[in-house]
PDB file of all heavy atoms in Angstrom:
ATOM      1  N   GLU A   1      -2.722  -1.424 -21.051  1.00  0.00           N
ATOM      2  CA  GLU A   1      -3.488  -2.106 -19.914  1.00  0.00           C
ATOM      3  C   GLU A   1      -2.407  -2.128 -18.647  1.00  0.00           C
ATOM      4  O   GLU A   1      -2.909  -2.151 -17.625  1.00  0.00           O
ATOM      5  CB  GLU A   1      -3.868  -3.551 -20.336  1.00  0.00           C
ATOM      6  CG  GLU A   1      -4.912  -3.627 -21.346  1.00  0.00           C
ATOM      7  CD  GLU A   1      -6.023  -2.603 -21.052  1.00  0.00           C
ATOM      8  OE1 GLU A   1      -6.623  -2.656 -19.865  1.00  0.00           O
ATOM      9  OE2 GLU A   1      -6.722  -1.945 -21.941  1.00  0.00           O
ATOM     10  N   ALA A   2      -1.161  -2.086 -18.938  1.00  0.00           N
ATOM     11  CA  ALA A   2      -0.249  -2.083 -17.850  1.00  0.00           C
ATOM     12  C   ALA A   2      -0.390  -0.698 -17.106  1.00  0.00           C
ATOM     13  O   ALA A   2      -0.271  -0.784 -15.842  1.00  0.00           O
ATOM     14  CB  ALA A   2       1.146  -2.276 -18.393  1.00  0.00           C
ATOM     15  N   ILE A   3      -0.533   0.307 -17.865  1.00  0.00           N
ATOM     16  CA  ILE A   3      -0.577   1.628 -17.242  1.00  0.00           C
ATOM     17  C   ILE A   3      -2.027   1.712 -16.513  1.00  0.00           C
ATOM     18  O   ILE A   3      -1.964   2.286 -15.358  1.00  0.00           O
ATOM     19  CB  ILE A   3      -0.530   2.785 -18.338  1.00  0.00           C
ATOM     20  CG1 ILE A   3       0.922   2.875 -18.980  1.00  0.00           C
ATOM     21  CG2 ILE A   3      -0.919   4.044 -17.800  1.00  0.00           C
ATOM     22  CD1 ILE A   3       1.011   3.730 -20.126  1.00  0.00           C
ATOM     23  N   VAL A   4      -2.954   1.315 -17.165  1.00  0.00           N
ATOM     24  CA  VAL A   4      -4.299   1.185 -16.533  1.00  0.00           C
ATOM     25  C   VAL A   4      -4.274   0.544 -15.143  1.00  0.00           C
ATOM     26  O   VAL A   4      -4.714   1.089 -14.173  1.00  0.00           O
ATOM     27  CB  VAL A   4      -5.411   0.642 -17.457  1.00  0.00           C
ATOM     28  CG1 VAL A   4      -6.746   0.447 -16.625  1.00  0.00           C
ATOM     29  CG2 VAL A   4      -5.709   1.557 -18.608  1.00  0.00           C
ATOM     30  N   CYS A   5      -3.723  -0.659 -15.173  1.00  0.00           N
ATOM     31  CA  CYS A   5      -3.641  -1.485 -13.889  1.00  0.00           C
ATOM     32  C   CYS A   5      -2.741  -0.819 -12.907  1.00  0.00           C
ATOM     33  O   CYS A   5      -3.025  -0.732 -11.712  1.00  0.00           O
ATOM     34  CB  CYS A   5      -3.091  -2.840 -14.227  1.00  0.00           C
ATOM     35  SG  CYS A   5      -4.446  -3.829 -15.138  1.00  0.00           S
ATOM     36  N   GLY A   6      -1.614  -0.152 -13.380  1.00  0.00           N
ATOM     37  CA  GLY A   6      -0.690   0.511 -12.586  1.00  0.00           C
ATOM     38  C   GLY A   6      -1.300   1.745 -11.885  1.00  0.00           C
ATOM     39  O   GLY A   6      -1.150   1.930 -10.605  1.00  0.00           O
ATOM     40  N   VAL A   7      -2.105   2.513 -12.618  1.00  0.00           N
ATOM     41  CA  VAL A   7      -2.827   3.711 -12.047  1.00  0.00           C
ATOM     42  C   VAL A   7      -3.798   3.218 -11.047  1.00  0.00           C
ATOM     43  O   VAL A   7      -4.071   3.817  -9.915  1.00  0.00           O
ATOM     44  CB  VAL A   7      -3.393   4.443 -13.195  1.00  0.00           C
ATOM     45  CG1 VAL A   7      -4.344   5.637 -12.544  1.00  0.00           C
ATOM     46  CG2 VAL A   7      -2.371   5.111 -14.009  1.00  0.00           C
ATOM     47  N   ALA A   8      -4.657   2.165 -11.338  1.00  0.00           N
ATOM     48  CA  ALA A   8      -5.698   1.600 -10.468  1.00  0.00           C
ATOM     49  C   ALA A   8      -5.177   1.103  -9.189  1.00  0.00           C
ATOM     50  O   ALA A   8      -5.729   1.265  -8.106  1.00  0.00           O
ATOM     51  CB  ALA A   8      -6.509   0.632 -11.227  1.00  0.00           C
ATOM     52  N   VAL A   9      -3.851   0.570  -9.168  1.00  0.00           N
ATOM     53  CA  VAL A   9      -3.406  -0.089  -8.000  1.00  0.00           C
ATOM     54  C   VAL A   9      -2.564   0.927  -7.269  1.00  0.00           C
ATOM     55  O   VAL A   9      -2.372   0.733  -5.991  1.00  0.00           O
ATOM     56  CB  VAL A   9      -2.527  -1.192  -8.309  1.00  0.00           C
ATOM     57  CG1 VAL A   9      -1.159  -0.966  -8.796  1.00  0.00           C
ATOM     58  CG2 VAL A   9      -2.392  -2.239  -7.180  1.00  0.00           C
ATOM     59  N   LEU A  10      -2.332   2.132  -7.799  1.00  0.00           N
ATOM     60  CA  LEU A  10      -1.407   3.059  -7.151  1.00  0.00           C
ATOM     61  C   LEU A  10      -1.970   3.533  -5.775  1.00  0.00           C
ATOM     62  O   LEU A  10      -1.287   3.638  -4.863  1.00  0.00           O
ATOM     63  CB  LEU A  10      -1.180   4.249  -8.060  1.00  0.00           C
ATOM     64  CG  LEU A  10      -0.310   5.350  -7.522  1.00  0.00           C
ATOM     65  CD1 LEU A  10       1.028   4.775  -7.088  1.00  0.00           C
ATOM     66  CD2 LEU A  10      -0.144   6.533  -8.490  1.00  0.00           C
ATOM     67  N   PRO A  11      -3.283   3.981  -5.656  1.00  0.00           N
ATOM     68  CA  PRO A  11      -3.767   4.335  -4.307  1.00  0.00           C
ATOM     69  C   PRO A  11      -3.604   3.249  -3.276  1.00  0.00           C
ATOM     70  O   PRO A  11      -3.393   3.587  -2.248  1.00  0.00           O
ATOM     71  CB  PRO A  11      -5.195   4.575  -4.664  1.00  0.00           C
ATOM     72  CG  PRO A  11      -5.332   4.936  -6.131  1.00  0.00           C
ATOM     73  CD  PRO A  11      -4.324   3.987  -6.733  1.00  0.00           C
ATOM     74  N   VAL A  12      -3.770   2.036  -3.789  1.00  0.00           N
ATOM     75  CA  VAL A  12      -3.654   0.913  -2.742  1.00  0.00           C
ATOM     76  C   VAL A  12      -2.177   0.796  -2.235  1.00  0.00           C
ATOM     77  O   VAL A  12      -1.930   0.695  -0.998  1.00  0.00           O
ATOM     78  CB  VAL A  12      -4.170  -0.305  -3.265  1.00  0.00           C
ATOM     79  CG1 VAL A  12      -3.993  -1.604  -2.432  1.00  0.00           C
ATOM     80  CG2 VAL A  12      -5.673  -0.227  -3.718  1.00  0.00           C
ATOM     81  N   VAL A  13      -1.448   0.892  -3.175  1.00  0.00           N
ATOM     82  CA  VAL A  13       0.105   0.859  -2.881  1.00  0.00           C
ATOM     83  C   VAL A  13       0.519   2.006  -1.914  1.00  0.00           C
ATOM     84  O   VAL A  13       1.224   1.706  -0.851  1.00  0.00           O
ATOM     85  CB  VAL A  13       1.049   0.870  -4.140  1.00  0.00           C
ATOM     86  CG1 VAL A  13       2.409   0.948  -3.698  1.00  0.00           C
ATOM     87  CG2 VAL A  13       0.715  -0.492  -4.865  1.00  0.00           C
ATOM     88  N   LEU A  14       0.068   3.088  -2.190  1.00  0.00           N
ATOM     89  CA  LEU A  14       0.279   4.242  -1.373  1.00  0.00           C
ATOM     90  C   LEU A  14      -0.165   4.108   0.116  1.00  0.00           C
ATOM     91  O   LEU A  14       0.366   4.366   0.967  1.00  0.00           O
ATOM     92  CB  LEU A  14      -0.119   5.678  -2.036  1.00  0.00           C
ATOM     93  CG  LEU A  14       0.512   6.048  -3.376  1.00  0.00           C
ATOM     94  CD1 LEU A  14      -0.155   7.273  -3.851  1.00  0.00           C
ATOM     95  CD2 LEU A  14       2.082   6.220  -3.089  1.00  0.00           C
ATOM     96  N   PHE A  15      -1.298   3.605   0.108  1.00  0.00           N
ATOM     97  CA  PHE A  15      -1.999   3.330   1.351  1.00  0.00           C
ATOM     98  C   PHE A  15      -1.081   2.322   2.300  1.00  0.00           C
ATOM     99  O   PHE A  15      -0.870   2.579   3.461  1.00  0.00           O
ATOM    100  CB  PHE A  15      -3.418   2.811   1.167  1.00  0.00           C
ATOM    101  CG  PHE A  15      -3.896   2.286   2.579  1.00  0.00           C
ATOM    102  CD1 PHE A  15      -4.513   3.099   3.566  1.00  0.00           C
ATOM    103  CD2 PHE A  15      -3.942   0.869   2.874  1.00  0.00           C
ATOM    104  CE1 PHE A  15      -5.018   2.620   4.701  1.00  0.00           C
ATOM    105  CE2 PHE A  15      -4.490   0.501   4.015  1.00  0.00           C
ATOM    106  CZ  PHE A  15      -4.998   1.347   4.941  1.00  0.00           C
ATOM    107  N   TRP A  16      -0.742   1.244   1.487  1.00  0.00           N
ATOM    108  CA  TRP A  16       0.010   0.261   2.278  1.00  0.00           C
ATOM    109  C   TRP A  16       1.393   0.716   2.725  1.00  0.00           C
ATOM    110  O   TRP A  16       1.875   0.448   3.839  1.00  0.00           O
ATOM    111  CB  TRP A  16       0.231  -1.032   1.380  1.00  0.00           C
ATOM    112  CG  TRP A  16      -0.996  -1.965   1.294  1.00  0.00           C
ATOM    113  CD1 TRP A  16      -2.157  -1.814   0.842  1.00  0.00           C
ATOM    114  CD2 TRP A  16      -1.065  -3.143   2.088  1.00  0.00           C
ATOM    115  NE1 TRP A  16      -3.017  -2.744   0.996  1.00  0.00           N
ATOM    116  CE2 TRP A  16      -2.405  -3.693   1.785  1.00  0.00           C
ATOM    117  CE3 TRP A  16      -0.352  -3.901   2.940  1.00  0.00           C
ATOM    118  CZ2 TRP A  16      -2.847  -4.880   2.271  1.00  0.00           C
ATOM    119  CZ3 TRP A  16      -0.578  -5.142   3.348  1.00  0.00           C
ATOM    120  CH2 TRP A  16      -2.016  -5.647   3.108  1.00  0.00           C
ATOM    121  N   ILE A  17       1.919   1.635   1.819  1.00  0.00           N
ATOM    122  CA  ILE A  17       3.260   2.183   2.283  1.00  0.00           C
ATOM    123  C   ILE A  17       3.028   3.091   3.432  1.00  0.00           C
ATOM    124  O   ILE A  17       3.863   2.954   4.557  1.00  0.00           O
ATOM    125  CB  ILE A  17       3.801   3.051   0.993  1.00  0.00           C
ATOM    126  CG1 ILE A  17       4.287   2.123   0.044  1.00  0.00           C
ATOM    127  CG2 ILE A  17       5.077   3.814   1.604  1.00  0.00           C
ATOM    128  CD1 ILE A  17       4.752   2.811  -1.205  1.00  0.00           C
ATOM    129  N   GLU A  18       2.048   3.878   3.489  1.00  0.00           N
ATOM    130  CA  GLU A  18       1.733   4.807   4.644  1.00  0.00           C
ATOM    131  C   GLU A  18       1.426   3.929   5.804  1.00  0.00           C
ATOM    132  O   GLU A  18       1.789   4.259   6.911  1.00  0.00           O
ATOM    133  CB  GLU A  18       0.598   5.868   4.302  1.00  0.00           C
ATOM    134  CG  GLU A  18       1.136   6.820   3.308  1.00  0.00           C
ATOM    135  CD  GLU A  18       2.211   7.706   3.885  1.00  0.00           C
ATOM    136  OE1 GLU A  18       2.135   8.082   5.091  1.00  0.00           O
ATOM    137  OE2 GLU A  18       3.108   8.107   3.087  1.00  0.00           O
ATOM    138  N   PHE A  19       0.670   2.947   5.712  1.00  0.00           N
ATOM    139  CA  PHE A  19       0.113   1.951   6.844  1.00  0.00           C
ATOM    140  C   PHE A  19       1.340   1.468   7.502  1.00  0.00           C
ATOM    141  O   PHE A  19       1.463   1.346   8.742  1.00  0.00           O
ATOM    142  CB  PHE A  19      -0.796   1.129   6.331  1.00  0.00           C
ATOM    143  CG  PHE A  19      -1.321   0.197   7.467  1.00  0.00           C
ATOM    144  CD1 PHE A  19      -2.278   0.622   8.325  1.00  0.00           C
ATOM    145  CD2 PHE A  19      -0.754  -1.158   7.577  1.00  0.00           C
ATOM    146  CE1 PHE A  19      -2.659  -0.241   9.315  1.00  0.00           C
ATOM    147  CE2 PHE A  19      -1.259  -2.015   8.498  1.00  0.00           C
ATOM    148  CZ  PHE A  19      -2.114  -1.500   9.431  1.00  0.00           C
ATOM    149  N   THR A  20       2.272   0.856   6.668  1.00  0.00           N
ATOM    150  CA  THR A  20       3.380   0.209   7.116  1.00  0.00           C
ATOM    151  C   THR A  20       4.336   1.072   7.959  1.00  0.00           C
ATOM    152  O   THR A  20       4.910   0.687   8.909  1.00  0.00           O
ATOM    153  CB  THR A  20       4.278  -0.472   6.005  1.00  0.00           C
ATOM    154  OG1 THR A  20       3.353  -1.383   5.179  1.00  0.00           O
ATOM    155  CG2 THR A  20       5.506  -1.123   6.449  1.00  0.00           C
ATOM    156  N   ALA A  21       4.492   2.266   7.483  1.00  0.00           N
ATOM    157  CA  ALA A  21       5.336   3.283   8.155  1.00  0.00           C
ATOM    158  C   ALA A  21       4.649   3.782   9.408  1.00  0.00           C
ATOM    159  O   ALA A  21       5.493   4.068  10.419  1.00  0.00           O
ATOM    160  CB  ALA A  21       5.504   4.503   7.217  1.00  0.00           C
ATOM    161  N   TRP A  22       3.423   3.779   9.413  1.00  0.00           N
ATOM    162  CA  TRP A  22       2.608   4.292  10.646  1.00  0.00           C
ATOM    163  C   TRP A  22       2.571   3.233  11.668  1.00  0.00           C
ATOM    164  O   TRP A  22       2.534   3.587  12.858  1.00  0.00           O
ATOM    165  CB  TRP A  22       1.330   4.723  10.266  1.00  0.00           C
ATOM    166  CG  TRP A  22       0.284   5.195  11.290  1.00  0.00           C
ATOM    167  CD1 TRP A  22       0.399   6.237  12.139  1.00  0.00           C
ATOM    168  CD2 TRP A  22      -0.702   4.338  11.860  1.00  0.00           C
ATOM    169  NE1 TRP A  22      -0.657   6.205  12.983  1.00  0.00           N
ATOM    170  CE2 TRP A  22      -1.396   4.985  12.819  1.00  0.00           C
ATOM    171  CE3 TRP A  22      -1.174   3.110  11.399  1.00  0.00           C
ATOM    172  CZ2 TRP A  22      -2.406   4.491  13.471  1.00  0.00           C
ATOM    173  CZ3 TRP A  22      -2.371   2.611  11.988  1.00  0.00           C
ATOM    174  CH2 TRP A  22      -2.931   3.262  13.076  1.00  0.00           C
ATOM    175  N   THR A  23       2.172   2.031  11.423  1.00  0.00           N
ATOM    176  CA  THR A  23       1.813   1.070  12.383  1.00  0.00           C
ATOM    177  C   THR A  23       3.132   0.720  13.194  1.00  0.00           C
ATOM    178  O   THR A  23       4.228   0.750  12.816  1.00  0.00           O
ATOM    179  CB  THR A  23       1.310  -0.206  11.741  1.00  0.00           C
ATOM    180  OG1 THR A  23       0.839  -1.151  12.785  1.00  0.00           O
ATOM    181  CG2 THR A  23       2.324  -0.911  10.845  1.00  0.00           C
ATOM    182  N   THR A  24       2.723   0.395  14.530  1.00  0.00           N
ATOM    183  CA  THR A  24       3.752   0.075  15.469  1.00  0.00           C
ATOM    184  C   THR A  24       3.366  -1.385  16.076  1.00  0.00           C
ATOM    185  O   THR A  24       4.044  -1.612  17.193  1.00  0.00           O
ATOM    186  CB  THR A  24       3.827   1.144  16.721  1.00  0.00           C
ATOM    187  OG1 THR A  24       2.578   1.271  17.278  1.00  0.00           O
ATOM    188  CG2 THR A  24       4.343   2.409  16.172  1.00  0.00           C
ATOM    189  N   LEU A  25       2.684  -2.100  15.403  1.00  0.00           N
ATOM    190  CA  LEU A  25       2.253  -3.322  15.887  1.00  0.00           C
ATOM    191  C   LEU A  25       3.324  -4.371  15.918  1.00  0.00           C
ATOM    192  O   LEU A  25       4.391  -4.151  15.138  1.00  0.00           O
ATOM    193  CB  LEU A  25       1.108  -4.035  15.110  1.00  0.00           C
ATOM    194  CG  LEU A  25      -0.282  -3.245  15.080  1.00  0.00           C
ATOM    195  CD1 LEU A  25      -1.168  -3.811  14.048  1.00  0.00           C
ATOM    196  CD2 LEU A  25      -0.743  -3.302  16.582  1.00  0.00           C
ATOM    197  N   ASN A  26       3.363  -5.435  16.687  1.00  0.00           N
ATOM    198  CA  ASN A  26       4.341  -6.398  16.637  1.00  0.00           C
ATOM    199  C   ASN A  26       4.169  -7.247  15.279  1.00  0.00           C
ATOM    200  O   ASN A  26       3.094  -7.111  14.690  1.00  0.00           O
ATOM    201  CB  ASN A  26       4.293  -7.227  17.877  1.00  0.00           C
ATOM    202  CG  ASN A  26       3.087  -7.934  18.077  1.00  0.00           C
ATOM    203  OD1 ASN A  26       2.372  -8.456  17.107  1.00  0.00           O
ATOM    204  ND2 ASN A  26       2.494  -7.881  19.190  1.00  0.00           N
ATOM    205  N   PRO A  27       5.147  -8.186  14.953  1.00  0.00           N
ATOM    206  CA  PRO A  27       4.987  -8.859  13.735  1.00  0.00           C
ATOM    207  C   PRO A  27       3.781  -9.748  13.587  1.00  0.00           C
ATOM    208  O   PRO A  27       3.208  -9.675  12.483  1.00  0.00           O
ATOM    209  CB  PRO A  27       6.160  -9.726  13.682  1.00  0.00           C
ATOM    210  CG  PRO A  27       7.288  -9.080  14.566  1.00  0.00           C
ATOM    211  CD  PRO A  27       6.436  -8.400  15.620  1.00  0.00           C
ATOM    212  N   ILE A  28       3.295 -10.195  14.603  1.00  0.00           N
ATOM    213  CA  ILE A  28       2.034 -11.053  14.566  1.00  0.00           C
ATOM    214  C   ILE A  28       0.872 -10.153  14.404  1.00  0.00           C
ATOM    215  O   ILE A  28      -0.003 -10.360  13.468  1.00  0.00           O
ATOM    216  CB  ILE A  28       1.865 -11.822  15.895  1.00  0.00           C
ATOM    217  CG1 ILE A  28       2.964 -12.971  15.962  1.00  0.00           C
ATOM    218  CG2 ILE A  28       0.579 -12.619  15.820  1.00  0.00           C
ATOM    219  CD1 ILE A  28       2.926 -13.906  17.217  1.00  0.00           C
ATOM    220  N   GLY A  29       0.831  -9.034  15.201  1.00  0.00           N
ATOM    221  CA  GLY A  29      -0.301  -8.107  14.990  1.00  0.00           C
ATOM    222  C   GLY A  29      -0.263  -7.510  13.573  1.00  0.00           C
ATOM    223  O   GLY A  29      -1.494  -7.258  12.908  1.00  0.00           O
TER     224      GLY A  29
END
């Protein structure tokens, strides 16, 4: 179940990593 949840959340984590690197918004935005 740890592997299942890890695989399921992986696309979301990758998206957040890419989004964080891409965005140039100020801290509030």
